[in-house]
Amino acid sequence: MTPYAPREHVLTDPSGLTERARRFLREHASRDPFDAAKGPSDEELRHQLRTFFGITDDGTLTRLRQAQARYGGLRYRSVPLHADVVFAPWPEYEAEDGEPIAWFLDLMVALPLAVWMLADGTVAYCQPGPPAPGGTVVPAFPTADALIESDALHHAPAPWTRLTDPPPLPAHAVHATAERLRLPPLAAASGFTEHWWQRSGFRIHVSSTFARISERPEDATWHIWTADAGGRDAARDFLAEATAQAGAGPVTGTAAGP
């Protein structure tokens, strides 16, 4: 057997997560039964890795087993996916093209989306089913913890409220303004196509994940939340700056529930 060094399940030992994410899991997550022994054995997986990918070291297999021990059976309601999700890291190493992948999230509704864990632990999104040759696989988060951190922010408990009727700004303009003004990033919850910033009682999220899957850059989205009156004023100042840079119309927007 491979000498794994798995950590405790994330609901037992949430070390490495922010207090915000820990609170989110305490209040909203549960654990479904998950038995990694029901899947292929280590030797079967080693054979698949050698056969399909020419991999002879145990790094990829170890990451899968560690993910199974750390996240297997974790369940909560995902606000961005509008669905219950269950973390279920099962190998899909029979894929004949690309790199080794593992099924990562079970979605509780029929969504045109699959969520995978790549060989290096990256969480990626794509169309349902194993990625076809030439298919669009979009790495979204560098780790599963980053995915959890982002979902915790999306939940946005009081006092955070989402700004409604925002100005018609393209997501790339919001992203560029956040970086130009050097808004502090929420790095723990950000990734390759999912980005968060927070300052002065407001926070911003910009996502290009689904836009990249559909290969429609104009489908990238953004949202802004505020915590109090000062945050709303700061958010409007930020949006005024972004609007001026983008040459858009006047800034409007009122606060509503998350």
Protein backbone atom coordinates (compact mmCIF):
# COMPACT_ATOMS: atom_id res chain seq x y z
CA MET A 1 0.00 0.00 0.00
CA THR A 2 1.07 3.54 -0.66
CA PRO A 3 2.19 5.33 2.55
CA TYR A 4 -0.53 8.00 2.43
CA ALA A 5 -0.60 10.79 4.96
CA PRO A 6 -4.28 11.77 4.80
CA ARG A 7 -5.57 14.57 6.96
CA GLU A 8 -8.74 14.23 8.98
CA HIS A 9 -12.02 14.94 7.19
CA VAL A 10 -12.56 18.66 6.70
CA LEU A 11 -15.62 18.62 8.99
CA THR A 12 -13.51 17.08 11.76
CA ASP A 13 -10.39 19.15 11.20
CA PRO A 14 -11.03 22.34 9.20
CA SER A 15 -7.47 23.62 9.70
CA GLY A 16 -6.26 25.62 6.74
CA LEU A 17 -9.65 27.24 6.19
CA THR A 18 -10.53 30.78 7.26
CA GLU A 19 -12.87 31.25 10.21
CA ARG A 20 -15.53 32.39 7.71
CA ALA A 21 -15.33 29.07 5.85
CA ARG A 22 -15.25 27.08 9.10
CA ARG A 23 -18.43 28.81 10.25
CA PHE A 24 -20.05 28.12 6.89
CA LEU A 25 -19.29 24.40 7.20
CA ARG A 26 -20.41 24.24 10.83
CA GLU A 27 -23.74 25.86 10.02
CA HIS A 28 -24.53 24.49 6.56
CA ALA A 29 -22.56 21.33 5.82
CA SER A 30 -23.12 17.66 6.59
CA ARG A 31 -21.38 14.40 5.73
CA ASP A 32 -22.83 11.66 3.53
CA PRO A 33 -21.48 8.10 3.67
CA PHE A 34 -18.40 7.72 1.47
CA ASP A 35 -16.34 4.53 1.21
CA ALA A 36 -13.28 4.75 -1.02
CA ALA A 37 -12.91 0.95 -0.80
CA LYS A 38 -15.93 0.63 -3.12
CA GLY A 39 -13.82 2.04 -5.95
CA PRO A 40 -10.75 0.60 -7.69
CA SER A 41 -7.86 -0.61 -5.57
CA ASP A 42 -4.50 1.12 -5.53
CA GLU A 43 -3.03 -1.51 -7.84
CA GLU A 44 -5.91 -1.18 -10.31
CA LEU A 45 -5.45 2.58 -10.39
CA ARG A 46 -1.69 2.27 -10.82
CA HIS A 47 -2.32 0.01 -13.81
CA GLN A 48 -4.70 2.56 -15.36
CA LEU A 49 -2.23 5.39 -14.78
CA ARG A 50 0.58 3.41 -16.40
CA THR A 51 -1.58 2.24 -19.31
CA PHE A 52 -3.27 5.50 -20.26
CA PHE A 53 -0.83 8.17 -19.10
CA GLY A 54 2.57 6.49 -18.65
CA ILE A 55 2.64 7.58 -15.01
CA THR A 56 4.72 5.35 -12.75
CA ASP A 57 5.06 7.47 -9.60
CA ASP A 58 2.39 7.57 -6.91
CA GLY A 59 1.84 11.34 -6.72
CA THR A 60 -1.44 11.39 -8.62
CA LEU A 61 -2.82 8.38 -6.76
CA THR A 62 -1.78 9.84 -3.42
CA ARG A 63 -3.59 13.12 -4.14
CA LEU A 64 -6.75 11.20 -5.00
CA ARG A 65 -6.65 9.16 -1.78
CA GLN A 66 -5.93 12.28 0.27
CA ALA A 67 -8.88 14.07 -1.36
CA GLN A 68 -11.14 11.11 -0.64
CA ALA A 69 -10.15 11.11 3.05
CA ARG A 70 -10.33 14.89 3.38
CA TYR A 71 -13.53 15.70 1.47
CA GLY A 72 -15.42 12.47 0.72
CA GLY A 73 -19.13 12.86 1.48
CA LEU A 74 -19.04 16.59 2.28
CA ARG A 75 -22.45 18.06 1.41
CA TYR A 76 -23.82 21.61 1.36
CA ARG A 77 -25.96 23.95 -0.70
CA SER A 78 -23.94 25.77 -3.37
CA VAL A 79 -25.32 29.23 -4.06
CA PRO A 80 -23.51 29.75 -7.40
CA LEU A 81 -24.61 26.32 -8.69
CA HIS A 82 -28.13 26.64 -7.24
CA ALA A 83 -27.84 23.01 -6.12
CA ASP A 84 -26.86 20.73 -3.29
CA VAL A 85 -23.38 19.36 -3.93
CA VAL A 86 -21.61 16.31 -2.51
CA PHE A 87 -17.83 16.00 -2.67
CA ALA A 88 -17.27 12.56 -4.19
CA PRO A 89 -13.68 12.13 -5.47
CA TRP A 90 -13.96 9.03 -7.66
CA PRO A 91 -11.31 8.19 -10.29
CA GLU A 92 -12.11 8.52 -13.98
CA TYR A 93 -8.70 7.37 -15.13
CA GLU A 94 -10.08 5.45 -18.11
CA ALA A 95 -10.12 8.69 -20.10
CA GLU A 96 -8.01 8.21 -23.22
CA ASP A 97 -7.06 11.80 -23.80
CA GLY A 98 -5.65 14.57 -21.65
CA GLU A 99 -4.44 14.13 -18.09
CA PRO A 100 -5.68 11.97 -15.21
CA ILE A 101 -8.91 13.26 -13.71
CA ALA A 102 -11.22 12.35 -10.85
CA TRP A 103 -14.92 13.03 -10.58
CA PHE A 104 -15.14 15.57 -7.76
CA LEU A 105 -18.66 16.95 -7.17
CA ASP A 106 -22.00 15.21 -7.44
CA LEU A 107 -24.66 17.79 -8.31
CA MET A 108 -28.10 17.20 -6.87
CA VAL A 109 -29.87 18.59 -9.94
CA ALA A 110 -29.29 18.02 -13.65
CA LEU A 111 -26.89 20.79 -14.60
CA PRO A 112 -24.96 21.03 -17.87
CA LEU A 113 -21.75 20.91 -15.88
CA ALA A 114 -19.20 18.46 -14.53
CA VAL A 115 -16.65 19.25 -11.81
CA TRP A 116 -13.34 17.38 -11.84
CA MET A 117 -10.14 17.20 -9.84
CA LEU A 118 -7.07 17.19 -12.08
CA ALA A 119 -3.89 15.29 -11.32
CA ASP A 120 -2.29 18.22 -9.49
CA GLY A 121 -5.35 18.81 -7.25
CA THR A 122 -6.80 21.62 -9.33
CA VAL A 123 -10.62 21.83 -9.40
CA ALA A 124 -11.86 22.17 -12.98
CA TYR A 125 -15.23 22.59 -14.68
CA CYS A 126 -16.39 21.30 -18.07
CA GLN A 127 -19.35 19.97 -19.99
CA PRO A 128 -20.84 16.76 -18.53
CA GLY A 129 -19.03 13.47 -18.97
CA PRO A 130 -15.32 12.79 -19.33
CA PRO A 131 -13.64 15.59 -21.29
CA ALA A 132 -13.66 14.74 -24.98
CA PRO A 133 -10.54 15.30 -27.07
CA GLY A 134 -10.41 19.03 -27.73
CA GLY A 135 -13.18 19.72 -25.18
CA THR A 136 -13.04 22.79 -22.96
CA VAL A 137 -11.82 21.97 -19.46
CA VAL A 138 -11.59 25.11 -17.33
CA PRO A 139 -9.38 25.06 -14.21
CA ALA A 140 -11.27 27.22 -11.72
CA PHE A 141 -9.64 26.77 -8.30
CA PRO A 142 -6.15 25.62 -7.31
CA THR A 143 -7.48 23.55 -4.40
CA ALA A 144 -10.73 22.20 -2.98
CA ASP A 145 -10.28 24.51 0.01
CA ALA A 146 -10.45 27.51 -2.34
CA LEU A 147 -13.74 26.19 -3.75
CA ILE A 148 -15.15 25.91 -0.20
CA GLU A 149 -13.90 29.40 0.66
CA SER A 150 -15.61 30.83 -2.42
CA ASP A 151 -18.88 29.05 -1.64
CA ALA A 152 -18.73 30.44 1.89
CA LEU A 153 -18.45 33.97 0.49
CA HIS A 154 -21.32 33.39 -1.94
CA HIS A 155 -23.52 32.44 0.99
CA ALA A 156 -23.05 36.00 2.27
CA PRO A 157 -24.79 35.92 5.67
CA ALA A 158 -26.01 39.15 7.29
CA PRO A 159 -25.00 41.94 7.30
CA TRP A 160 -23.79 41.48 3.72
CA THR A 161 -26.31 42.38 1.03
CA ARG A 162 -25.91 42.18 -2.73
CA LEU A 163 -26.24 45.31 -4.81
CA THR A 164 -29.19 45.10 -7.18
CA ASP A 165 -29.62 46.94 -10.50
CA PRO A 166 -25.86 47.51 -10.93
CA PRO A 167 -24.58 49.53 -13.89
CA PRO A 168 -24.20 47.55 -17.14
CA LEU A 169 -20.47 47.08 -16.84
CA PRO A 170 -18.64 44.21 -18.52
CA ALA A 171 -16.94 41.88 -16.07
CA HIS A 172 -13.51 42.56 -17.53
CA ALA A 173 -13.91 46.28 -16.70
CA VAL A 174 -14.78 45.49 -13.08
CA HIS A 175 -11.83 43.09 -12.84
CA ALA A 176 -9.43 45.62 -14.37
CA THR A 177 -10.62 48.40 -12.06
CA ALA A 178 -10.24 46.20 -8.97
CA GLU A 179 -6.66 45.44 -9.94
CA ARG A 180 -5.83 49.00 -10.99
CA LEU A 181 -7.12 50.36 -7.66
CA ARG A 182 -5.27 47.55 -5.87
CA LEU A 183 -8.26 46.30 -3.96
CA PRO A 184 -7.09 43.68 -1.47
CA PRO A 185 -7.79 40.24 -2.96
CA LEU A 186 -9.51 37.53 -0.95
CA ALA A 187 -6.84 35.11 -2.04
CA ALA A 188 -8.12 32.10 -0.08
CA ALA A 189 -11.35 32.12 -2.12
CA SER A 190 -9.90 33.06 -5.49
CA GLY A 191 -8.53 30.95 -8.29
CA PHE A 192 -7.86 30.98 -12.00
CA THR A 193 -11.30 32.08 -13.23
CA GLU A 194 -12.95 33.05 -9.92
CA HIS A 195 -11.75 36.25 -8.24
CA TRP A 196 -12.74 38.04 -5.01
CA TRP A 197 -11.71 41.41 -3.55
CA GLN A 198 -12.81 43.24 -0.40
CA ARG A 199 -12.26 46.74 0.97
CA SER A 200 -14.08 49.37 3.03
CA GLY A 201 -17.21 47.35 3.69
CA PHE A 202 -17.75 46.02 0.17
CA ARG A 203 -16.64 42.93 -1.70
CA ILE A 204 -16.61 42.02 -5.37
CA HIS A 205 -16.74 38.72 -7.20
CA VAL A 206 -15.85 38.28 -10.88
CA SER A 207 -16.30 34.92 -12.60
CA SER A 208 -15.26 33.87 -16.09
CA THR A 209 -15.58 30.10 -15.49
CA PHE A 210 -18.83 29.51 -17.34
CA ALA A 211 -17.95 32.07 -19.99
CA ARG A 212 -14.82 30.05 -20.78
CA ILE A 213 -16.75 26.78 -20.84
CA SER A 214 -19.22 28.25 -23.34
CA GLU A 215 -16.41 30.10 -25.14
CA ARG A 216 -18.44 33.31 -24.84
CA PRO A 217 -16.29 35.92 -23.04
CA GLU A 218 -19.25 38.28 -22.84
CA ASP A 219 -20.97 35.82 -20.46
CA ALA A 220 -18.50 36.55 -17.64
CA THR A 221 -20.32 37.83 -14.55
CA TRP A 222 -19.72 40.06 -11.56
CA HIS A 223 -21.51 40.88 -8.32
CA ILE A 224 -20.91 43.27 -5.47
CA TRP A 225 -21.95 43.01 -1.80
CA THR A 226 -21.95 45.69 0.90
CA ALA A 227 -21.96 45.45 4.69
CA ASP A 228 -23.21 48.88 5.77
CA ALA A 229 -23.91 52.42 4.59
CA GLY A 230 -20.21 53.21 4.38
CA GLY A 231 -19.68 50.11 2.28
CA ARG A 232 -22.47 51.12 -0.09
CA ASP A 233 -20.87 54.54 -0.56
CA ALA A 234 -17.47 52.96 -1.17
CA ALA A 235 -19.01 50.49 -3.63
CA ARG A 236 -20.68 53.29 -5.58
CA ASP A 237 -17.36 55.16 -5.71
CA PHE A 238 -15.71 52.03 -7.06
CA LEU A 239 -18.45 51.53 -9.66
CA ALA A 240 -18.22 55.18 -10.68
CA GLU A 241 -14.51 54.65 -11.33
CA ALA A 242 -15.16 51.46 -13.29
CA THR A 243 -17.93 53.17 -15.26
CA ALA A 244 -15.70 56.08 -16.15
CA GLN A 245 -12.97 53.71 -17.31
CA ALA A 246 -15.44 51.70 -19.38
CA GLY A 247 -17.24 54.75 -20.79
CA ALA A 248 -20.59 53.42 -19.52
CA GLY A 249 -23.60 55.30 -18.23
CA PRO A 250 -24.37 56.64 -14.73
CA VAL A 251 -24.05 54.46 -11.65
CA THR A 252 -27.20 53.15 -9.96
CA GLY A 253 -27.88 50.28 -7.59
CA THR A 254 -29.66 49.42 -4.38
CA ALA A 255 -28.97 46.76 -1.80
CA ALA A 256 -30.93 43.53 -1.62
CA GLY A 257 -30.56 40.18 0.08
CA PRO A 258 -27.78 37.82 -1.04
